[in-house]
Structure formats: C-alpha cells, structure tokens
C-alpha cells in the first residue's frame, strides 16, 4: 500500500509532539518501510552514572518503530506494544534509532529497531534493540 505519509509530514507530526520537541528529536530518514530518529545526547538526558537514561532510549525505540510502521500504514497509527533490550550503557554525542517494518497487514505492522550511539569521533556502538507492533486507527491523529 502506498502511503501519502512522506518525510515532510513525518517531521510535522514529530514537531506536534511536545515531548519529542522537549527531547530535541528529529527524523533524519523516512520511507520504504523504515524510519530513523536521532537525538543529540546532552547532560540533562542522563541518569545518575552519566549515561543516557533508559527512558530516552525507550522513547526513541517507540517513536521510531511507530514512524517506520507509518510508512506502510499511513500517518494515523498508534503503538500497540513494544519491548526493548538494553545491551550496554549509552553515551556519546548522538543517539540514532533505526527502525524497519518486518511484516504488515492492512491495519497492523510488526517492526524492529536498533539503537546506536555515536561518539565525538564518529564511532558508533549498538546499545539496545527493540521490537513492537503498531496499529492503524480510523481517526486523524497526526496533530500536524
């Protein structure tokens, strides 16, 4: 199914999410069953040991999974559920959540996500993986 949901609309939907704006999230890639969400890592997003808080990683996984699903289901989607596995503490200068659709029906998509951190030298490290489902909804919930 071809979706009218493009990068411009995806960015407008993200900008309509106050929490996403608070975190400074941005969509850097969107389309063909995949989406990438990035967040600059800054001290106020940390936990007591100086690493990026797990809640920020969970947010990035949730939103990137849902945006990836939106590429096949359209913009009116909501998370059905997701799980995340933290592999190592997240640090560096940037978090990148790369999600892709692994299967879909007309109303639901199953997606997977890899969460990477990038350090100041540009080296990337896999810090978490996630999977989840997203459902299409009838009401317009784009917020854009």
N, C-alpha and C. Protein backbone atom coordinates (compact mmCIF):
# COMPACT_ATOMS: atom_id res chain seq x y z
N UNK A 1 0.85 -1.19 0.00
CA UNK A 1 0.00 0.00 0.00
C UNK A 1 0.88 1.24 0.00
N UNK A 2 0.67 2.13 -0.92
CA UNK A 2 1.43 3.37 -0.98
C UNK A 2 0.80 4.37 -0.03
N UNK A 3 1.64 5.03 0.73
CA UNK A 3 1.16 5.95 1.74
C UNK A 3 1.48 7.38 1.35
N UNK A 4 0.56 8.34 1.62
CA UNK A 4 0.86 9.75 1.37
C UNK A 4 1.76 10.34 2.47
N UNK A 5 2.14 9.52 3.40
CA UNK A 5 2.95 9.92 4.54
C UNK A 5 4.40 10.04 4.06
N UNK A 6 4.90 11.27 3.93
CA UNK A 6 6.26 11.48 3.45
C UNK A 6 7.12 12.12 4.55
N UNK A 7 8.38 12.36 4.26
CA UNK A 7 9.31 12.92 5.25
C UNK A 7 8.83 14.26 5.79
N UNK A 8 8.30 15.11 4.94
CA UNK A 8 7.81 16.42 5.39
C UNK A 8 6.67 16.27 6.40
N UNK A 9 5.69 15.42 6.11
CA UNK A 9 4.58 15.21 7.04
C UNK A 9 5.08 14.52 8.31
N UNK A 10 5.99 13.57 8.18
CA UNK A 10 6.55 12.91 9.36
C UNK A 10 7.20 13.92 10.29
N UNK A 11 7.95 14.85 9.73
CA UNK A 11 8.59 15.88 10.56
C UNK A 11 7.55 16.80 11.21
N UNK A 12 6.45 17.08 10.51
CA UNK A 12 5.39 17.90 11.08
C UNK A 12 4.70 17.16 12.23
N UNK A 13 4.47 15.86 12.05
CA UNK A 13 3.86 15.06 13.12
C UNK A 13 4.78 15.05 14.34
N UNK A 14 6.07 14.83 14.13
CA UNK A 14 7.02 14.82 15.24
C UNK A 14 7.04 16.18 15.95
N UNK A 15 7.01 17.25 15.19
CA UNK A 15 7.03 18.60 15.76
C UNK A 15 5.76 18.90 16.57
N UNK A 16 4.67 18.17 16.30
CA UNK A 16 3.41 18.35 17.04
C UNK A 16 3.40 17.58 18.35
N UNK A 17 4.46 16.81 18.63
CA UNK A 17 4.56 16.04 19.86
C UNK A 17 5.41 16.83 20.87
N UNK A 18 4.80 17.46 21.87
CA UNK A 18 5.57 18.28 22.81
C UNK A 18 6.75 17.53 23.46
N UNK A 19 6.57 16.26 23.80
CA UNK A 19 7.66 15.52 24.44
C UNK A 19 8.84 15.33 23.48
N UNK A 20 8.53 15.08 22.21
CA UNK A 20 9.59 14.94 21.20
C UNK A 20 10.36 16.24 21.05
N UNK A 21 9.65 17.36 21.08
CA UNK A 21 10.30 18.67 20.99
C UNK A 21 11.19 18.88 22.22
N UNK A 22 10.70 18.53 23.41
CA UNK A 22 11.47 18.66 24.64
C UNK A 22 12.78 17.89 24.54
N UNK A 23 12.74 16.68 23.98
CA UNK A 23 13.94 15.86 23.85
C UNK A 23 14.85 16.31 22.71
N UNK A 24 14.31 17.10 21.80
CA UNK A 24 15.10 17.53 20.64
C UNK A 24 15.19 16.47 19.56
N UNK A 25 14.19 15.60 19.47
CA UNK A 25 14.19 14.52 18.49
C UNK A 25 14.00 15.06 17.08
N UNK A 26 14.64 14.38 16.13
CA UNK A 26 14.44 14.73 14.73
C UNK A 26 14.41 13.46 13.88
N UNK A 27 13.60 13.49 12.84
CA UNK A 27 13.55 12.37 11.90
C UNK A 27 14.54 12.68 10.79
N UNK A 28 15.50 11.79 10.62
CA UNK A 28 16.54 12.02 9.61
C UNK A 28 16.36 11.14 8.38
N UNK A 29 15.52 10.12 8.47
CA UNK A 29 15.25 9.25 7.33
C UNK A 29 13.85 8.68 7.51
N UNK A 30 13.10 8.62 6.40
CA UNK A 30 11.72 8.16 6.47
C UNK A 30 11.27 7.66 5.11
N UNK A 31 10.79 6.43 5.04
CA UNK A 31 10.21 5.92 3.81
C UNK A 31 10.57 4.48 3.55
N UNK A 32 9.78 3.83 2.68
CA UNK A 32 10.02 2.46 2.24
C UNK A 32 10.19 1.48 3.39
N UNK A 33 9.30 1.59 4.39
CA UNK A 33 9.30 0.64 5.49
C UNK A 33 10.33 0.90 6.56
N UNK A 34 10.91 2.08 6.59
CA UNK A 34 11.95 2.37 7.59
C UNK A 34 11.88 3.83 8.03
N UNK A 35 12.38 4.07 9.24
CA UNK A 35 12.47 5.42 9.76
C UNK A 35 13.65 5.49 10.73
N UNK A 36 14.32 6.64 10.71
CA UNK A 36 15.42 6.88 11.64
C UNK A 36 15.13 8.15 12.42
N UNK A 37 15.23 8.04 13.74
CA UNK A 37 15.02 9.15 14.65
C UNK A 37 16.34 9.40 15.38
N UNK A 38 16.75 10.65 15.52
CA UNK A 38 18.01 10.98 16.18
C UNK A 38 17.78 12.02 17.28
N UNK A 39 18.60 11.90 18.32
CA UNK A 39 18.55 12.83 19.45
C UNK A 39 19.99 13.17 19.85
N UNK A 40 20.28 14.45 19.98
CA UNK A 40 21.58 14.86 20.49
C UNK A 40 21.62 14.51 21.97
N UNK A 41 22.69 13.83 22.39
CA UNK A 41 22.84 13.45 23.80
C UNK A 41 23.39 14.64 24.56
N UNK A 42 22.68 15.03 25.62
CA UNK A 42 23.10 16.15 26.45
C UNK A 42 22.94 15.76 27.92
N UNK A 43 23.63 16.43 28.83
CA UNK A 43 23.65 16.02 30.24
C UNK A 43 22.28 15.87 30.89
N UNK A 44 21.32 16.72 30.54
CA UNK A 44 20.01 16.65 31.20
C UNK A 44 19.20 15.43 30.78
N UNK A 45 19.69 14.65 29.83
CA UNK A 45 19.01 13.41 29.44
C UNK A 45 19.67 12.19 30.09
N UNK A 46 20.56 12.44 31.04
CA UNK A 46 21.31 11.37 31.66
C UNK A 46 20.68 10.81 32.92
N UNK A 47 21.29 9.72 33.40
CA UNK A 47 20.93 9.15 34.68
C UNK A 47 22.10 9.36 35.65
N UNK A 48 22.00 8.79 36.84
CA UNK A 48 22.94 9.10 37.91
C UNK A 48 24.39 8.70 37.63
N UNK A 49 24.63 7.78 36.69
CA UNK A 49 26.00 7.37 36.38
C UNK A 49 26.56 8.10 35.16
N UNK A 50 25.79 9.03 34.62
CA UNK A 50 26.26 9.82 33.49
C UNK A 50 25.91 9.26 32.13
N UNK A 51 25.24 8.12 32.08
CA UNK A 51 24.83 7.54 30.80
C UNK A 51 23.47 8.10 30.41
N UNK A 52 23.11 7.95 29.15
CA UNK A 52 21.79 8.34 28.67
C UNK A 52 20.73 7.51 29.40
N UNK A 53 19.70 8.15 29.88
CA UNK A 53 18.65 7.47 30.63
C UNK A 53 17.94 6.45 29.74
N UNK A 54 17.64 5.29 30.29
CA UNK A 54 16.95 4.24 29.55
C UNK A 54 15.60 4.68 29.02
N UNK A 55 14.95 5.61 29.70
CA UNK A 55 13.66 6.12 29.22
C UNK A 55 13.80 6.86 27.90
N UNK A 56 14.93 7.50 27.68
CA UNK A 56 15.17 8.19 26.41
C UNK A 56 15.34 7.16 25.29
N UNK A 57 16.05 6.08 25.58
CA UNK A 57 16.19 5.01 24.59
C UNK A 57 14.84 4.38 24.29
N UNK A 58 14.03 4.15 25.32
CA UNK A 58 12.70 3.56 25.13
C UNK A 58 11.82 4.48 24.29
N UNK A 59 11.86 5.78 24.58
CA UNK A 59 11.11 6.74 23.77
C UNK A 59 11.54 6.65 22.31
N UNK A 60 12.87 6.66 22.06
CA UNK A 60 13.38 6.64 20.69
C UNK A 60 12.96 5.37 19.97
N UNK A 61 13.01 4.24 20.67
CA UNK A 61 12.57 2.97 20.07
C UNK A 61 11.09 3.04 19.73
N UNK A 62 10.27 3.44 20.68
CA UNK A 62 8.82 3.51 20.49
C UNK A 62 8.47 4.39 19.31
N UNK A 63 9.02 5.59 19.27
CA UNK A 63 8.64 6.53 18.21
C UNK A 63 9.19 6.10 16.85
N UNK A 64 10.41 5.59 16.80
CA UNK A 64 10.94 5.17 15.50
C UNK A 64 10.19 3.95 14.97
N UNK A 65 9.82 3.01 15.86
CA UNK A 65 9.02 1.86 15.44
C UNK A 65 7.69 2.32 14.83
N UNK A 66 7.06 3.28 15.48
CA UNK A 66 5.76 3.76 15.02
C UNK A 66 5.89 4.54 13.71
N UNK A 67 6.93 5.35 13.58
CA UNK A 67 7.12 6.07 12.32
C UNK A 67 7.44 5.10 11.19
N UNK A 68 8.24 4.08 11.44
CA UNK A 68 8.52 3.08 10.39
C UNK A 68 7.21 2.44 9.94
N UNK A 69 6.37 2.06 10.90
CA UNK A 69 5.07 1.47 10.56
C UNK A 69 4.23 2.44 9.75
N UNK A 70 4.32 3.71 10.07
CA UNK A 70 3.56 4.72 9.33
C UNK A 70 3.90 4.78 7.85
N UNK A 71 5.09 4.32 7.48
CA UNK A 71 5.46 4.32 6.06
C UNK A 71 4.62 3.33 5.26
N UNK A 72 4.07 2.32 5.93
CA UNK A 72 3.23 1.34 5.23
C UNK A 72 1.75 1.46 5.61
N UNK A 73 1.45 2.02 6.79
CA UNK A 73 0.06 2.13 7.25
C UNK A 73 -0.53 3.52 7.11
N UNK A 74 0.29 4.52 6.90
CA UNK A 74 -0.17 5.90 6.84
C UNK A 74 0.05 6.60 8.17
N UNK A 75 -0.28 7.88 8.25
CA UNK A 75 0.07 8.68 9.42
C UNK A 75 -0.78 8.46 10.67
N UNK A 76 -1.93 7.82 10.55
CA UNK A 76 -2.81 7.65 11.70
C UNK A 76 -2.55 6.29 12.36
N UNK A 77 -1.49 6.24 13.14
CA UNK A 77 -1.07 4.99 13.78
C UNK A 77 -0.78 5.23 15.26
N UNK A 78 -0.94 4.17 16.03
CA UNK A 78 -0.61 4.20 17.46
C UNK A 78 0.16 2.94 17.81
N UNK A 79 1.05 3.03 18.78
CA UNK A 79 1.80 1.87 19.24
C UNK A 79 0.86 0.86 19.87
N UNK A 80 1.00 -0.41 19.47
CA UNK A 80 0.25 -1.49 20.09
C UNK A 80 1.01 -2.06 21.27
N UNK A 81 2.32 -2.03 21.20
CA UNK A 81 3.19 -2.51 22.27
C UNK A 81 4.60 -2.66 21.74
N UNK A 82 5.57 -2.63 22.64
CA UNK A 82 6.95 -2.85 22.24
C UNK A 82 7.76 -3.35 23.41
N UNK A 83 8.87 -3.98 23.09
CA UNK A 83 9.82 -4.40 24.12
C UNK A 83 11.20 -3.93 23.71
N UNK A 84 12.04 -3.70 24.71
CA UNK A 84 13.39 -3.21 24.45
C UNK A 84 14.37 -4.02 25.30
N UNK A 85 15.52 -4.28 24.72
CA UNK A 85 16.61 -4.94 25.43
C UNK A 85 17.81 -4.01 25.41
N UNK A 86 18.27 -3.63 26.58
CA UNK A 86 19.44 -2.76 26.70
C UNK A 86 20.69 -3.64 26.67
N UNK A 87 21.58 -3.38 25.75
CA UNK A 87 22.78 -4.19 25.59
C UNK A 87 23.99 -3.63 26.34
N UNK A 88 24.10 -2.31 26.37
CA UNK A 88 25.20 -1.66 27.09
C UNK A 88 24.81 -0.21 27.38
N UNK A 89 25.47 0.41 28.35
CA UNK A 89 25.16 1.81 28.66
C UNK A 89 25.37 2.70 27.43
N UNK A 90 24.51 3.68 27.29
CA UNK A 90 24.55 4.59 26.14
C UNK A 90 25.23 5.89 26.52
N UNK A 91 26.22 6.26 25.75
CA UNK A 91 26.91 7.52 25.94
C UNK A 91 27.37 8.05 24.60
N UNK A 92 27.94 9.21 24.60
CA UNK A 92 28.42 9.81 23.35
C UNK A 92 27.74 11.12 23.10
N UNK A 93 27.61 11.47 21.82
CA UNK A 93 27.04 12.77 21.45
C UNK A 93 25.70 12.67 20.74
N UNK A 94 25.36 11.46 20.23
CA UNK A 94 24.14 11.33 19.46
C UNK A 94 23.57 9.91 19.59
N UNK A 95 22.24 9.85 19.70
CA UNK A 95 21.52 8.59 19.70
C UNK A 95 20.80 8.46 18.36
N UNK A 96 20.88 7.30 17.75
CA UNK A 96 20.20 7.04 16.48
C UNK A 96 19.36 5.78 16.62
N UNK A 97 18.05 5.90 16.41
CA UNK A 97 17.13 4.76 16.44
C UNK A 97 16.70 4.47 15.02
N UNK A 98 17.10 3.30 14.51
CA UNK A 98 16.80 2.91 13.14
C UNK A 98 15.80 1.76 13.16
N UNK A 99 14.58 2.03 12.69
CA UNK A 99 13.52 1.03 12.73
C UNK A 99 13.11 0.65 11.32
N UNK A 100 12.63 -0.60 11.21
CA UNK A 100 12.14 -1.07 9.91
C UNK A 100 10.95 -2.01 10.13
N UNK A 101 10.09 -2.02 9.16
CA UNK A 101 8.93 -2.93 9.17
C UNK A 101 9.43 -4.31 8.77
N UNK A 102 9.07 -5.32 9.57
CA UNK A 102 9.43 -6.70 9.22
C UNK A 102 8.24 -7.46 8.65
N UNK A 103 7.04 -6.95 8.86
CA UNK A 103 5.84 -7.56 8.31
C UNK A 103 4.63 -6.69 8.60
N UNK A 104 3.64 -6.72 7.73
CA UNK A 104 2.46 -5.89 7.97
C UNK A 104 1.23 -6.48 7.31
N UNK A 105 0.08 -6.06 7.84
CA UNK A 105 -1.22 -6.33 7.24
C UNK A 105 -1.80 -4.97 6.88
N UNK A 106 -3.04 -4.96 6.53
CA UNK A 106 -3.68 -3.69 6.17
C UNK A 106 -3.78 -2.74 7.37
N UNK A 107 -3.88 -3.28 8.61
CA UNK A 107 -4.10 -2.44 9.79
C UNK A 107 -3.01 -2.54 10.85
N UNK A 108 -2.03 -3.40 10.67
CA UNK A 108 -1.03 -3.60 11.72
C UNK A 108 0.35 -3.84 11.10
N UNK A 109 1.38 -3.39 11.79
CA UNK A 109 2.75 -3.64 11.34
C UNK A 109 3.60 -4.10 12.52
N UNK A 110 4.47 -5.06 12.26
CA UNK A 110 5.47 -5.50 13.22
C UNK A 110 6.80 -4.93 12.77
N UNK A 111 7.53 -4.34 13.72
CA UNK A 111 8.77 -3.64 13.38
C UNK A 111 9.90 -4.01 14.33
N UNK A 112 11.12 -3.80 13.86
CA UNK A 112 12.29 -3.98 14.71
C UNK A 112 13.10 -2.69 14.68
N UNK A 113 13.93 -2.51 15.71
CA UNK A 113 14.70 -1.28 15.85
C UNK A 113 16.06 -1.58 16.46
N UNK A 114 17.07 -0.90 15.95
CA UNK A 114 18.41 -0.91 16.55
C UNK A 114 18.71 0.50 17.02
N UNK A 115 19.23 0.61 18.24
CA UNK A 115 19.58 1.91 18.80
C UNK A 115 21.10 2.00 18.92
N UNK A 116 21.65 2.99 18.28
CA UNK A 116 23.09 3.20 18.20
C UNK A 116 23.45 4.53 18.84
N UNK A 117 24.60 4.58 19.49
CA UNK A 117 25.14 5.85 19.94
C UNK A 117 26.37 6.16 19.09
N UNK A 118 26.62 7.44 18.95
CA UNK A 118 27.79 7.90 18.19
C UNK A 118 28.62 8.77 19.11
N UNK A 119 29.94 8.55 19.12
CA UNK A 119 30.81 9.38 19.95
C UNK A 119 31.34 10.55 19.12
N UNK A 120 32.14 11.42 19.75
CA UNK A 120 32.64 12.62 19.10
C UNK A 120 33.52 12.31 17.89
N UNK A 121 34.13 11.13 17.86
CA UNK A 121 34.97 10.74 16.74
C UNK A 121 34.18 10.09 15.61
N UNK A 122 32.85 9.92 15.80
CA UNK A 122 32.01 9.31 14.78
C UNK A 122 31.89 7.81 14.89
N UNK A 123 32.48 7.21 15.92
CA UNK A 123 32.37 5.76 16.11
C UNK A 123 30.99 5.43 16.68
N UNK A 124 30.35 4.41 16.12
CA UNK A 124 29.01 4.03 16.56
C UNK A 124 29.04 2.73 17.35
N UNK A 125 28.13 2.63 18.33
CA UNK A 125 28.02 1.46 19.19
C UNK A 125 26.56 1.08 19.34
N UNK A 126 26.26 -0.19 19.12
CA UNK A 126 24.90 -0.69 19.33
C UNK A 126 24.65 -0.79 20.83
N UNK A 127 23.62 -0.09 21.33
CA UNK A 127 23.37 -0.09 22.77
C UNK A 127 22.06 -0.75 23.15
N UNK A 128 21.13 -0.92 22.21
CA UNK A 128 19.85 -1.55 22.52
C UNK A 128 19.17 -2.02 21.24
N UNK A 129 18.25 -2.96 21.40
CA UNK A 129 17.40 -3.42 20.29
C UNK A 129 15.97 -3.45 20.80
N UNK A 130 15.03 -3.30 19.89
CA UNK A 130 13.61 -3.28 20.28
C UNK A 130 12.78 -3.89 19.17
N UNK A 131 11.57 -4.29 19.54
CA UNK A 131 10.60 -4.75 18.55
C UNK A 131 9.22 -4.34 19.04
N UNK A 132 8.32 -4.15 18.10
CA UNK A 132 6.98 -3.75 18.51
C UNK A 132 5.97 -3.84 17.40
N UNK A 133 4.73 -3.55 17.77
CA UNK A 133 3.63 -3.53 16.81
C UNK A 133 2.95 -2.17 16.84
N UNK A 134 2.41 -1.80 15.72
CA UNK A 134 1.70 -0.54 15.55
C UNK A 134 0.41 -0.83 14.81
N UNK A 135 -0.66 -0.13 15.21
CA UNK A 135 -1.96 -0.32 14.58
C UNK A 135 -2.43 0.97 13.92
N UNK A 136 -3.06 0.82 12.78
CA UNK A 136 -3.71 1.95 12.12
C UNK A 136 -4.99 2.26 12.87
N UNK A 137 -5.31 3.54 13.00
CA UNK A 137 -6.55 3.96 13.66
C UNK A 137 -7.36 4.78 12.66
N UNK A 138 -8.68 4.82 12.88
CA UNK A 138 -9.56 5.49 11.94
C UNK A 138 -9.54 7.00 12.07
N UNK A 139 -9.42 7.52 13.28
CA UNK A 139 -9.46 8.97 13.50
C UNK A 139 -8.14 9.60 13.07
N UNK A 140 -8.20 10.85 12.61
CA UNK A 140 -6.99 11.58 12.26
C UNK A 140 -6.28 11.97 13.53
N UNK A 141 -5.10 11.43 13.76
CA UNK A 141 -4.33 11.70 14.97
C UNK A 141 -2.96 12.26 14.63
N UNK A 142 -2.80 12.82 13.44
CA UNK A 142 -1.48 13.33 13.04
C UNK A 142 -1.05 14.49 13.90
N UNK A 143 -1.99 15.34 14.32
CA UNK A 143 -1.63 16.50 15.11
C UNK A 143 -0.94 17.58 14.30
N UNK A 144 -0.72 17.31 13.05
CA UNK A 144 0.00 18.28 12.21
C UNK A 144 -0.95 19.25 11.56
